[in-house]
């Protein structure tokens, strides 16, 4: 299924939900992190609502039975390389899917980051244009967030080759081609706050009430 959205037609989003979620499982509830409730909606729904207006297409990267995400109406692609090699495999899967739909760029976001900026894609694109490099990632509070980035799909072959050769760290890979960080403010809170543990979900509930 391909859902057409309201943002730039040549930019697609890949929502990364392919991790194993072992830290969140510490509360004994199990299940997928992105399907945990924040307020009355899932983390994934919060993420979709922010990203959808910024892109033309969207795909979900998740492993296992895709039917558990059927309610969201999105295409689901598994990691391009097995054995959970990390987010680069999910980004590659998103790049391959996006290229098949005619997109030229993919913005990757973690599906457990419910407070993403509403101007994420525009600012990533502006940063890489100004720096004259092909790649951009988000930054905030003195930290870079390599998983949240903008990727040209024509780098997919190079990424797959390096993944199969053992590459796992995003920042090591992106620096080969040129990457710039786009800084985002952390007030009233960090927009890249992600929910890894049960206590993070409790904190996210507090943040949600302050928005």
N, C-alpha and C. Protein backbone atom coordinates (compact mmCIF):
# COMPACT_ATOMS: atom_id res chain seq x y z
N UNK A 1 0.84 -1.20 0.00
CA UNK A 1 0.00 0.00 0.00
C UNK A 1 0.88 1.25 0.00
N UNK A 2 0.54 2.21 -0.85
CA UNK A 2 1.25 3.48 -0.90
C UNK A 2 0.26 4.58 -0.56
N UNK A 3 0.51 5.30 0.52
CA UNK A 3 -0.36 6.40 0.94
C UNK A 3 0.29 7.71 0.53
N UNK A 4 -0.40 8.50 -0.28
CA UNK A 4 0.12 9.80 -0.71
C UNK A 4 -0.23 10.85 0.34
N UNK A 5 0.76 11.64 0.71
CA UNK A 5 0.60 12.63 1.78
C UNK A 5 0.69 14.03 1.21
N UNK A 6 0.79 15.01 2.08
CA UNK A 6 0.67 16.41 1.65
C UNK A 6 2.01 17.11 1.44
N UNK A 7 3.11 16.49 1.83
CA UNK A 7 4.40 17.15 1.73
C UNK A 7 5.04 16.98 0.35
N UNK A 8 6.33 17.33 0.22
CA UNK A 8 7.03 17.23 -1.06
C UNK A 8 6.98 15.80 -1.62
N UNK A 9 6.56 15.66 -2.87
CA UNK A 9 6.34 14.34 -3.46
C UNK A 9 7.62 13.51 -3.55
N UNK A 10 8.77 14.17 -3.68
CA UNK A 10 10.02 13.44 -3.86
C UNK A 10 10.68 13.06 -2.53
N UNK A 11 10.05 13.40 -1.42
CA UNK A 11 10.61 13.04 -0.10
C UNK A 11 9.68 12.04 0.58
N UNK A 12 10.27 10.93 1.00
CA UNK A 12 9.53 9.90 1.72
C UNK A 12 10.05 9.83 3.15
N UNK A 13 9.25 9.28 4.03
CA UNK A 13 9.67 9.05 5.41
C UNK A 13 9.71 7.56 5.69
N UNK A 14 10.72 7.12 6.42
CA UNK A 14 10.75 5.76 6.95
C UNK A 14 10.72 5.86 8.47
N UNK A 15 9.68 5.28 9.06
CA UNK A 15 9.51 5.25 10.51
C UNK A 15 10.14 3.97 11.02
N UNK A 16 11.19 4.10 11.80
CA UNK A 16 11.99 2.95 12.21
C UNK A 16 11.41 2.29 13.45
N UNK A 17 10.86 1.10 13.26
CA UNK A 17 10.29 0.33 14.37
C UNK A 17 10.84 -1.09 14.36
N UNK A 18 12.04 -1.25 13.82
CA UNK A 18 12.59 -2.59 13.65
C UNK A 18 13.41 -3.10 14.80
N UNK A 19 13.59 -2.29 15.86
CA UNK A 19 14.40 -2.73 17.00
C UNK A 19 13.69 -3.78 17.83
N UNK A 20 14.43 -4.41 18.73
CA UNK A 20 13.88 -5.49 19.54
C UNK A 20 13.18 -5.01 20.81
N UNK A 21 13.41 -3.75 21.21
CA UNK A 21 12.68 -3.18 22.33
C UNK A 21 12.93 -3.85 23.66
N UNK A 22 14.15 -4.31 23.90
CA UNK A 22 14.42 -5.09 25.12
C UNK A 22 14.33 -4.25 26.39
N UNK A 23 14.69 -2.97 26.32
CA UNK A 23 14.62 -2.14 27.53
C UNK A 23 13.18 -1.85 27.93
N UNK A 24 12.32 -1.62 26.95
CA UNK A 24 10.93 -1.36 27.27
C UNK A 24 10.25 -2.60 27.83
N UNK A 25 10.70 -3.78 27.44
CA UNK A 25 10.08 -5.02 27.91
C UNK A 25 10.35 -5.28 29.39
N UNK A 26 11.15 -4.43 30.02
CA UNK A 26 11.50 -4.64 31.43
C UNK A 26 10.29 -4.55 32.35
N UNK A 27 9.20 -3.91 31.88
CA UNK A 27 8.03 -3.80 32.74
C UNK A 27 7.11 -5.01 32.64
N UNK A 28 7.52 -5.99 31.82
CA UNK A 28 6.76 -7.23 31.72
C UNK A 28 5.58 -7.18 30.78
N UNK A 29 5.32 -6.03 30.16
CA UNK A 29 4.17 -5.92 29.27
C UNK A 29 4.48 -6.41 27.85
N UNK A 30 5.76 -6.41 27.49
CA UNK A 30 6.14 -6.88 26.18
C UNK A 30 5.55 -6.02 25.06
N UNK A 31 5.57 -6.57 23.84
CA UNK A 31 4.99 -5.87 22.71
C UNK A 31 5.93 -4.84 22.09
N UNK A 32 5.43 -4.18 21.04
CA UNK A 32 6.22 -3.20 20.31
C UNK A 32 6.20 -1.85 21.00
N UNK A 33 7.36 -1.23 21.14
CA UNK A 33 7.40 0.11 21.72
C UNK A 33 6.49 1.09 21.00
N UNK A 34 6.51 1.16 19.68
CA UNK A 34 5.69 2.18 19.01
C UNK A 34 4.19 2.01 19.23
N UNK A 35 3.76 0.85 19.71
CA UNK A 35 2.34 0.62 19.94
C UNK A 35 1.93 0.89 21.39
N UNK A 36 2.89 1.32 22.21
CA UNK A 36 2.53 1.72 23.57
C UNK A 36 1.74 3.02 23.52
N UNK A 37 0.83 3.17 24.46
CA UNK A 37 -0.01 4.36 24.50
C UNK A 37 0.67 5.53 25.20
N UNK A 38 0.56 6.69 24.59
CA UNK A 38 0.95 7.96 25.19
C UNK A 38 -0.29 8.84 25.14
N UNK A 39 -0.85 9.13 26.29
CA UNK A 39 -2.18 9.72 26.28
C UNK A 39 -3.16 8.67 25.79
N UNK A 40 -3.98 9.03 24.84
CA UNK A 40 -4.95 8.07 24.32
C UNK A 40 -4.58 7.54 22.94
N UNK A 41 -3.32 7.78 22.53
CA UNK A 41 -2.86 7.34 21.21
C UNK A 41 -1.50 6.70 21.33
N UNK A 42 -1.14 5.89 20.34
CA UNK A 42 0.14 5.21 20.37
C UNK A 42 1.29 6.17 20.07
N UNK A 43 2.48 5.78 20.49
CA UNK A 43 3.67 6.55 20.14
C UNK A 43 3.78 6.69 18.62
N UNK A 44 3.50 5.61 17.92
CA UNK A 44 3.59 5.64 16.46
C UNK A 44 2.61 6.64 15.87
N UNK A 45 1.40 6.70 16.39
CA UNK A 45 0.42 7.65 15.88
C UNK A 45 0.88 9.09 16.08
N UNK A 46 1.48 9.38 17.23
CA UNK A 46 2.01 10.73 17.47
C UNK A 46 3.07 11.06 16.41
N UNK A 47 3.94 10.11 16.15
CA UNK A 47 5.02 10.31 15.19
C UNK A 47 4.46 10.54 13.78
N UNK A 48 3.50 9.72 13.38
CA UNK A 48 2.90 9.85 12.06
C UNK A 48 2.26 11.23 11.89
N UNK A 49 1.56 11.68 12.90
CA UNK A 49 0.85 12.96 12.80
C UNK A 49 1.80 14.12 12.52
N UNK A 50 3.00 14.07 13.11
CA UNK A 50 3.96 15.16 12.91
C UNK A 50 4.65 15.05 11.56
N UNK A 51 5.00 13.85 11.15
CA UNK A 51 5.80 13.68 9.94
C UNK A 51 4.96 13.72 8.66
N UNK A 52 3.74 13.25 8.71
CA UNK A 52 2.93 13.14 7.49
C UNK A 52 2.82 14.44 6.69
N UNK A 53 2.61 15.61 7.33
CA UNK A 53 2.52 16.83 6.53
C UNK A 53 3.84 17.26 5.89
N UNK A 54 4.95 16.64 6.29
CA UNK A 54 6.26 17.08 5.83
C UNK A 54 6.80 16.27 4.65
N UNK A 55 6.11 15.19 4.27
CA UNK A 55 6.61 14.28 3.24
C UNK A 55 5.49 13.92 2.28
N UNK A 56 5.87 13.31 1.15
CA UNK A 56 4.89 12.87 0.17
C UNK A 56 4.49 11.42 0.32
N UNK A 57 5.36 10.62 0.95
CA UNK A 57 5.13 9.19 1.11
C UNK A 57 5.66 8.76 2.47
N UNK A 58 5.15 7.64 2.97
CA UNK A 58 5.60 7.16 4.27
C UNK A 58 5.57 5.64 4.29
N UNK A 59 6.59 5.05 4.90
CA UNK A 59 6.66 3.61 5.05
C UNK A 59 7.13 3.30 6.46
N UNK A 60 6.71 2.15 6.97
CA UNK A 60 7.10 1.71 8.31
C UNK A 60 8.10 0.58 8.19
N UNK A 61 9.22 0.70 8.86
CA UNK A 61 10.20 -0.37 8.92
C UNK A 61 9.96 -1.17 10.20
N UNK A 62 9.58 -2.43 10.05
CA UNK A 62 9.34 -3.29 11.20
C UNK A 62 9.58 -4.73 10.79
N UNK A 63 10.05 -5.53 11.72
CA UNK A 63 10.28 -6.94 11.47
C UNK A 63 9.15 -7.77 12.10
N UNK A 64 9.02 -9.00 11.65
CA UNK A 64 7.94 -9.83 12.15
C UNK A 64 6.66 -9.63 11.37
N UNK A 65 5.53 -10.02 11.96
CA UNK A 65 4.24 -9.98 11.29
C UNK A 65 3.80 -8.53 11.05
N UNK A 66 3.68 -8.09 9.81
CA UNK A 66 3.29 -6.70 9.54
C UNK A 66 1.85 -6.40 9.90
N UNK A 67 1.03 -7.44 10.08
CA UNK A 67 -0.40 -7.22 10.34
C UNK A 67 -0.66 -6.48 11.65
N UNK A 68 0.28 -6.54 12.57
CA UNK A 68 0.06 -5.83 13.84
C UNK A 68 0.04 -4.32 13.66
N UNK A 69 0.49 -3.84 12.49
CA UNK A 69 0.46 -2.41 12.19
C UNK A 69 -0.60 -2.06 11.15
N UNK A 70 -1.48 -2.99 10.84
CA UNK A 70 -2.44 -2.80 9.74
C UNK A 70 -3.33 -1.59 9.95
N UNK A 71 -3.64 -1.26 11.20
CA UNK A 71 -4.56 -0.15 11.48
C UNK A 71 -4.02 1.19 11.00
N UNK A 72 -2.72 1.29 10.77
CA UNK A 72 -2.14 2.57 10.38
C UNK A 72 -2.19 2.79 8.86
N UNK A 73 -2.50 1.76 8.10
CA UNK A 73 -2.65 1.91 6.66
C UNK A 73 -1.37 2.20 5.90
N UNK A 74 -0.23 1.83 6.46
CA UNK A 74 1.05 2.10 5.82
C UNK A 74 1.67 0.81 5.29
N UNK A 75 2.46 0.95 4.23
CA UNK A 75 3.30 -0.16 3.80
C UNK A 75 4.31 -0.46 4.91
N UNK A 76 4.64 -1.74 5.06
CA UNK A 76 5.60 -2.17 6.08
C UNK A 76 6.72 -2.93 5.39
N UNK A 77 7.96 -2.52 5.63
CA UNK A 77 9.12 -3.21 5.06
C UNK A 77 10.02 -3.68 6.19
N UNK A 78 10.52 -4.89 6.07
CA UNK A 78 11.44 -5.45 7.06
C UNK A 78 12.85 -4.95 6.80
N UNK A 79 13.74 -5.16 7.77
CA UNK A 79 15.15 -4.82 7.58
C UNK A 79 15.66 -5.44 6.29
N UNK A 80 16.48 -4.71 5.57
CA UNK A 80 17.03 -5.20 4.32
C UNK A 80 18.04 -6.32 4.52
N UNK A 81 18.61 -6.39 5.72
CA UNK A 81 19.58 -7.42 6.07
C UNK A 81 19.16 -8.00 7.41
N UNK A 82 19.20 -9.31 7.55
CA UNK A 82 18.68 -9.98 8.74
C UNK A 82 19.58 -9.88 9.95
N UNK A 83 19.13 -10.51 11.04
CA UNK A 83 19.87 -10.61 12.31
C UNK A 83 20.03 -9.26 13.02
N UNK A 84 19.07 -8.36 12.85
CA UNK A 84 19.03 -7.09 13.58
C UNK A 84 20.37 -6.35 13.57
N UNK A 85 20.85 -5.95 12.40
CA UNK A 85 22.13 -5.25 12.34
C UNK A 85 22.07 -3.79 12.78
N UNK A 86 20.88 -3.31 13.17
CA UNK A 86 20.77 -1.93 13.63
C UNK A 86 19.98 -1.07 12.68
N UNK A 87 19.84 0.21 13.01
CA UNK A 87 18.96 1.10 12.23
C UNK A 87 19.39 1.32 10.80
N UNK A 88 20.67 1.15 10.48
CA UNK A 88 21.08 1.32 9.08
C UNK A 88 20.34 0.35 8.16
N UNK A 89 20.03 -0.84 8.64
CA UNK A 89 19.30 -1.81 7.82
C UNK A 89 17.88 -1.33 7.55
N UNK A 90 17.26 -0.72 8.56
CA UNK A 90 15.93 -0.17 8.36
C UNK A 90 15.94 1.03 7.44
N UNK A 91 16.95 1.87 7.56
CA UNK A 91 17.09 3.02 6.67
C UNK A 91 17.27 2.54 5.23
N UNK A 92 18.09 1.52 5.04
CA UNK A 92 18.29 0.97 3.69
C UNK A 92 16.97 0.44 3.13
N UNK A 93 16.21 -0.28 3.94
CA UNK A 93 14.92 -0.79 3.47
C UNK A 93 14.01 0.36 3.06
N UNK A 94 14.01 1.44 3.84
CA UNK A 94 13.22 2.60 3.48
C UNK A 94 13.69 3.26 2.21
N UNK A 95 15.00 3.33 2.02
CA UNK A 95 15.55 3.92 0.80
C UNK A 95 15.15 3.12 -0.43
N UNK A 96 15.22 1.79 -0.32
CA UNK A 96 14.84 0.94 -1.45
C UNK A 96 13.35 1.11 -1.78
N UNK A 97 12.52 1.13 -0.76
CA UNK A 97 11.09 1.31 -0.98
C UNK A 97 10.81 2.66 -1.62
N UNK A 98 11.42 3.70 -1.08
CA UNK A 98 11.19 5.06 -1.57
C UNK A 98 11.64 5.19 -3.03
N UNK A 99 12.78 4.63 -3.36
CA UNK A 99 13.27 4.70 -4.73
C UNK A 99 12.29 4.05 -5.70
N UNK A 100 11.68 2.94 -5.27
CA UNK A 100 10.71 2.25 -6.12
C UNK A 100 9.46 3.08 -6.35
N UNK A 101 9.18 4.01 -5.46
CA UNK A 101 8.02 4.90 -5.60
C UNK A 101 8.37 6.20 -6.33
N UNK A 102 9.63 6.36 -6.71
CA UNK A 102 10.04 7.56 -7.43
C UNK A 102 10.54 8.69 -6.55
N UNK A 103 10.71 8.44 -5.24
CA UNK A 103 11.23 9.47 -4.35
C UNK A 103 12.74 9.59 -4.50
N UNK A 104 13.26 10.76 -4.18
CA UNK A 104 14.70 10.99 -4.28
C UNK A 104 15.38 11.05 -2.92
N UNK A 105 14.60 11.30 -1.87
CA UNK A 105 15.16 11.43 -0.53
C UNK A 105 14.28 10.69 0.47
N UNK A 106 14.91 10.27 1.56
CA UNK A 106 14.20 9.64 2.67
C UNK A 106 14.59 10.35 3.96
N UNK A 107 13.60 10.72 4.75
CA UNK A 107 13.88 11.16 6.11
C UNK A 107 13.59 9.99 7.02
N UNK A 108 14.55 9.66 7.87
CA UNK A 108 14.40 8.55 8.81
C UNK A 108 14.13 9.10 10.20
N UNK A 109 13.15 8.51 10.88
CA UNK A 109 12.84 8.91 12.25
C UNK A 109 12.55 7.65 13.06
N UNK A 110 12.90 7.69 14.32
CA UNK A 110 12.57 6.59 15.22
C UNK A 110 11.10 6.67 15.58
N UNK A 111 10.42 5.53 15.56
CA UNK A 111 8.98 5.50 15.81
C UNK A 111 8.63 5.62 17.27
N UNK A 112 9.63 5.83 18.12
CA UNK A 112 9.37 6.04 19.56
C UNK A 112 9.71 7.47 19.98
N UNK A 113 9.71 8.40 19.01
CA UNK A 113 9.99 9.82 19.30
C UNK A 113 8.72 10.62 19.02
N UNK A 114 7.85 10.79 20.00
CA UNK A 114 6.52 11.36 19.75
C UNK A 114 6.46 12.87 19.62
N UNK A 115 7.57 13.59 19.91
CA UNK A 115 7.52 15.06 19.94
C UNK A 115 8.38 15.69 18.85
N UNK A 116 8.47 15.06 17.71
CA UNK A 116 9.34 15.53 16.64
C UNK A 116 8.96 16.93 16.16
N UNK A 117 9.94 17.70 15.64
CA UNK A 117 9.65 19.05 15.15
C UNK A 117 8.75 19.04 13.92
N UNK A 118 7.90 20.03 13.83
CA UNK A 118 7.01 20.13 12.67
C UNK A 118 7.74 20.65 11.43
N UNK A 119 8.97 21.14 11.60
CA UNK A 119 9.76 21.62 10.47
C UNK A 119 11.03 20.78 10.29
N UNK A 120 10.99 19.54 10.73
CA UNK A 120 12.17 18.68 10.70
C UNK A 120 12.75 18.56 9.30
N UNK A 121 11.95 18.16 8.34
CA UNK A 121 12.46 17.89 7.00
C UNK A 121 13.00 19.16 6.35
N UNK A 122 12.28 20.25 6.47
CA UNK A 122 12.72 21.51 5.86
C UNK A 122 14.06 21.95 6.41
N UNK A 123 14.25 21.83 7.71
CA UNK A 123 15.50 22.29 8.31
C UNK A 123 16.66 21.35 8.00
N UNK A 124 16.40 20.06 7.92
CA UNK A 124 17.46 19.13 7.51
C UNK A 124 17.89 19.43 6.08
N UNK A 125 16.92 19.66 5.21
CA UNK A 125 17.24 19.94 3.81
C UNK A 125 18.00 21.26 3.68
N UNK A 126 17.58 22.27 4.43
CA UNK A 126 18.26 23.57 4.37
C UNK A 126 19.70 23.44 4.86
N UNK A 127 19.90 22.65 5.90
CA UNK A 127 21.25 22.49 6.46
C UNK A 127 22.20 21.83 5.47
N UNK A 128 21.73 20.78 4.81
CA UNK A 128 22.65 20.11 3.88
C UNK A 128 22.87 20.94 2.62
N UNK A 129 21.87 21.71 2.21
CA UNK A 129 22.04 22.59 1.05
C UNK A 129 23.08 23.66 1.35
N UNK A 130 22.97 24.27 2.52
CA UNK A 130 23.92 25.33 2.90
C UNK A 130 25.33 24.78 3.02
N UNK A 131 25.47 23.56 3.55
CA UNK A 131 26.80 22.97 3.74
C UNK A 131 27.31 22.27 2.49
N UNK A 132 26.47 22.13 1.48
CA UNK A 132 26.82 21.46 0.22
C UNK A 132 27.29 20.03 0.45
N UNK A 133 26.53 19.32 1.27
CA UNK A 133 26.79 17.90 1.53
C UNK A 133 25.49 17.13 1.28
N UNK A 134 25.58 15.82 1.03
CA UNK A 134 24.37 15.08 0.67
C UNK A 134 23.50 14.65 1.84
N UNK A 135 24.06 14.66 3.08
CA UNK A 135 23.38 14.09 4.23
C UNK A 135 23.24 15.10 5.36
N UNK A 136 22.15 14.99 6.11
CA UNK A 136 21.96 15.83 7.29
C UNK A 136 21.33 15.00 8.39
N UNK A 137 21.72 15.30 9.63
CA UNK A 137 21.08 14.64 10.77
C UNK A 137 20.68 15.71 11.79
N UNK A 138 19.78 15.34 12.68
CA UNK A 138 19.29 16.27 13.68
C UNK A 138 20.26 16.35 14.86
N UNK A 139 20.22 17.49 15.55
CA UNK A 139 21.02 17.69 16.76
C UNK A 139 20.23 18.56 17.73
N UNK A 140 20.50 18.35 19.01
CA UNK A 140 19.85 19.18 20.04
C UNK A 140 20.61 19.03 21.34
N UNK A 141 20.68 20.12 22.07
CA UNK A 141 21.31 20.08 23.39
C UNK A 141 22.73 19.57 23.39
N UNK A 142 23.47 19.81 22.33
CA UNK A 142 24.85 19.36 22.26
C UNK A 142 25.02 17.93 21.82
N UNK A 143 23.95 17.26 21.43
CA UNK A 143 24.01 15.86 20.99
C UNK A 143 23.48 15.75 19.57
N UNK A 144 24.12 14.89 18.77
CA UNK A 144 23.59 14.58 17.45
C UNK A 144 22.70 13.35 17.57
N UNK A 145 21.75 13.26 16.65
CA UNK A 145 20.82 12.14 16.61
C UNK A 145 20.92 11.50 15.22
N UNK A 146 21.90 10.63 15.00
CA UNK A 146 22.17 10.12 13.65
C UNK A 146 21.01 9.35 13.04
N UNK A 147 20.14 8.75 13.86
CA UNK A 147 19.01 7.99 13.33
C UNK A 147 18.00 8.90 12.64
N UNK A 148 17.95 10.16 13.07
CA UNK A 148 16.99 11.11 12.51
C UNK A 148 17.72 11.95 11.47
N UNK A 149 17.56 11.57 10.22
CA UNK A 149 18.34 12.21 9.18
C UNK A 149 17.66 12.20 7.83
N UNK A 150 18.28 12.89 6.89
CA UNK A 150 17.79 13.00 5.52
C UNK A 150 18.82 12.36 4.59
N UNK A 151 18.34 11.40 3.78
CA UNK A 151 19.21 10.53 2.99
C UNK A 151 18.81 10.54 1.52
N UNK A 152 19.76 10.77 0.60
CA UNK A 152 19.46 10.59 -0.82
C UNK A 152 19.35 9.08 -1.13
N UNK A 153 18.32 8.69 -1.85
CA UNK A 153 18.16 7.26 -2.10
C UNK A 153 19.22 6.72 -3.05
N UNK A 154 19.91 7.59 -3.78
CA UNK A 154 20.94 7.08 -4.69
C UNK A 154 22.19 6.60 -3.96
N UNK A 155 22.21 6.72 -2.63
CA UNK A 155 23.31 6.14 -1.84
C UNK A 155 22.97 4.74 -1.35
N UNK A 156 21.85 4.18 -1.77
CA UNK A 156 21.41 2.88 -1.25
C UNK A 156 22.40 1.76 -1.58
N UNK A 157 22.92 1.73 -2.79
CA UNK A 157 23.85 0.65 -3.15
C UNK A 157 25.10 0.70 -2.28
N UNK A 158 25.62 1.91 -2.06
CA UNK A 158 26.81 2.05 -1.22
C UNK A 158 26.51 1.63 0.21
N UNK A 159 25.34 1.99 0.71
CA UNK A 159 24.97 1.60 2.07
C UNK A 159 24.84 0.09 2.20
N UNK A 160 24.20 -0.54 1.23
CA UNK A 160 24.05 -2.00 1.31
C UNK A 160 25.41 -2.69 1.28
N UNK A 161 26.29 -2.23 0.43
CA UNK A 161 27.62 -2.85 0.35
C UNK A 161 28.35 -2.74 1.68
N UNK A 162 28.28 -1.57 2.31
CA UNK A 162 28.97 -1.38 3.58
C UNK A 162 28.31 -2.16 4.71
N UNK A 163 26.98 -2.26 4.69
CA UNK A 163 26.30 -3.08 5.69
C UNK A 163 26.73 -4.53 5.59
N UNK A 164 26.79 -5.04 4.38
CA UNK A 164 27.18 -6.44 4.20
C UNK A 164 28.65 -6.66 4.56
N UNK A 165 29.42 -5.58 4.55
CA UNK A 165 30.83 -5.67 4.95
C UNK A 165 31.01 -5.49 6.46
N UNK A 166 29.91 -5.25 7.18
CA UNK A 166 30.00 -5.17 8.63
C UNK A 166 29.78 -3.79 9.23
N UNK A 167 29.50 -2.78 8.42
CA UNK A 167 29.25 -1.44 8.94
C UNK A 167 27.98 -1.43 9.78
N UNK A 168 28.04 -0.80 10.97
CA UNK A 168 26.88 -0.74 11.84
C UNK A 168 26.61 0.67 12.39
N UNK A 169 27.62 1.50 12.53
CA UNK A 169 27.45 2.81 13.14
C UNK A 169 27.07 3.85 12.09
N UNK A 170 25.96 4.51 12.34
CA UNK A 170 25.45 5.47 11.36
C UNK A 170 26.43 6.60 11.13
N UNK A 171 26.95 7.20 12.20
CA UNK A 171 27.80 8.39 12.02
C UNK A 171 29.10 8.05 11.31
N UNK A 172 29.62 6.84 11.50
CA UNK A 172 30.82 6.44 10.76
C UNK A 172 30.53 6.33 9.28
N UNK A 173 29.33 5.87 8.95
CA UNK A 173 28.99 5.71 7.54
C UNK A 173 28.72 7.07 6.89
N UNK A 174 27.96 7.91 7.54
CA UNK A 174 27.60 9.19 6.91
C UNK A 174 28.81 10.09 6.71
N UNK A 175 29.79 9.99 7.60
CA UNK A 175 30.95 10.88 7.46
C UNK A 175 31.76 10.55 6.21
N UNK A 176 31.58 9.36 5.65
CA UNK A 176 32.27 9.01 4.41
C UNK A 176 31.81 9.87 3.24
N UNK A 177 30.57 10.33 3.30
CA UNK A 177 29.98 11.04 2.16
C UNK A 177 29.79 12.52 2.42
N UNK A 178 29.79 12.92 3.68
CA UNK A 178 29.58 14.31 4.06
C UNK A 178 28.24 14.50 4.71
N UNK A 179 28.26 14.92 5.96
CA UNK A 179 27.03 15.08 6.72
C UNK A 179 27.12 16.35 7.56
N UNK A 180 25.99 17.02 7.74
CA UNK A 180 25.93 18.21 8.56
C UNK A 180 24.83 18.01 9.59
N UNK A 181 25.00 18.62 10.76
CA UNK A 181 23.98 18.55 11.80
C UNK A 181 23.10 19.79 11.74
N UNK A 182 21.81 19.60 11.88
CA UNK A 182 20.86 20.70 11.98
C UNK A 182 20.43 20.80 13.43
N UNK A 183 20.71 21.93 14.07
CA UNK A 183 20.45 22.11 15.50
C UNK A 183 19.01 22.56 15.74
N UNK A 184 18.37 21.91 16.71
CA UNK A 184 17.01 22.25 17.11
C UNK A 184 16.99 22.65 18.57
N UNK A 185 16.12 23.59 18.95
CA UNK A 185 16.06 24.03 20.34
C UNK A 185 15.49 22.95 21.26
N UNK A 186 15.85 23.04 22.53
CA UNK A 186 15.40 22.06 23.51
C UNK A 186 14.38 22.63 24.49
N UNK A 187 13.83 23.78 24.18
CA UNK A 187 12.78 24.38 25.00
C UNK A 187 11.45 24.36 24.26
N UNK A 188 10.37 23.98 24.89
CA UNK A 188 10.24 23.67 26.32
C UNK A 188 10.77 22.30 26.70
N UNK A 189 11.06 21.44 25.69
CA UNK A 189 11.73 20.18 25.95
C UNK A 189 12.35 19.69 24.65
N UNK A 190 13.22 18.70 24.76
CA UNK A 190 13.94 18.19 23.59
C UNK A 190 12.96 17.49 22.65
N UNK A 191 12.86 17.94 21.39
CA UNK A 191 11.91 17.31 20.47
C UNK A 191 12.30 15.90 20.06
N UNK A 192 13.52 15.49 20.41
CA UNK A 192 13.98 14.16 20.04
C UNK A 192 13.99 13.21 21.24
N UNK A 193 13.26 13.59 22.28
CA UNK A 193 13.06 12.70 23.41
C UNK A 193 12.47 11.39 22.90
N UNK A 194 13.13 10.28 23.25
CA UNK A 194 12.60 8.99 22.79
C UNK A 194 12.30 8.07 23.97
N UNK A 195 11.36 7.20 23.74
CA UNK A 195 10.85 6.33 24.80
C UNK A 195 11.50 4.97 24.67
N UNK A 196 12.48 4.72 25.53
CA UNK A 196 13.18 3.44 25.53
C UNK A 196 12.77 2.54 26.67
N UNK A 197 12.40 3.13 27.81
CA UNK A 197 12.14 2.38 29.04
C UNK A 197 10.78 2.78 29.61
N UNK A 198 10.23 1.96 30.48
CA UNK A 198 8.95 2.32 31.09
C UNK A 198 8.97 3.69 31.77
N UNK A 199 10.08 4.04 32.40
CA UNK A 199 10.16 5.34 33.06
C UNK A 199 10.16 6.50 32.05
N UNK A 200 10.68 6.23 30.82
CA UNK A 200 10.61 7.25 29.77
C UNK A 200 9.17 7.51 29.35
N UNK A 201 8.38 6.46 29.31
CA UNK A 201 6.98 6.62 28.94
C UNK A 201 6.24 7.47 29.98
N UNK A 202 6.57 7.25 31.24
CA UNK A 202 5.96 8.06 32.30
C UNK A 202 6.37 9.52 32.15
N UNK A 203 7.64 9.77 31.81
CA UNK A 203 8.10 11.14 31.60
C UNK A 203 7.42 11.76 30.39
N UNK A 204 7.22 10.96 29.34
CA UNK A 204 6.56 11.47 28.14
C UNK A 204 5.13 11.90 28.45
N UNK A 205 4.47 11.20 29.35
CA UNK A 205 3.12 11.60 29.75
C UNK A 205 3.13 13.00 30.37
N UNK A 206 4.15 13.26 31.19
CA UNK A 206 4.28 14.58 31.80
C UNK A 206 4.54 15.64 30.74
N UNK A 207 5.44 15.34 29.80
CA UNK A 207 5.76 16.29 28.72
C UNK A 207 4.53 16.57 27.87
N UNK A 208 3.76 15.54 27.60
CA UNK A 208 2.56 15.71 26.76
C UNK A 208 1.61 16.72 27.37
N UNK A 209 1.52 16.73 28.68
CA UNK A 209 0.59 17.65 29.34
C UNK A 209 1.11 19.09 29.34
N UNK A 210 2.42 19.27 29.08
CA UNK A 210 2.99 20.63 29.09
C UNK A 210 2.99 21.27 27.71
N UNK A 211 2.65 20.53 26.68
CA UNK A 211 2.71 21.09 25.31
C UNK A 211 1.63 22.16 25.10
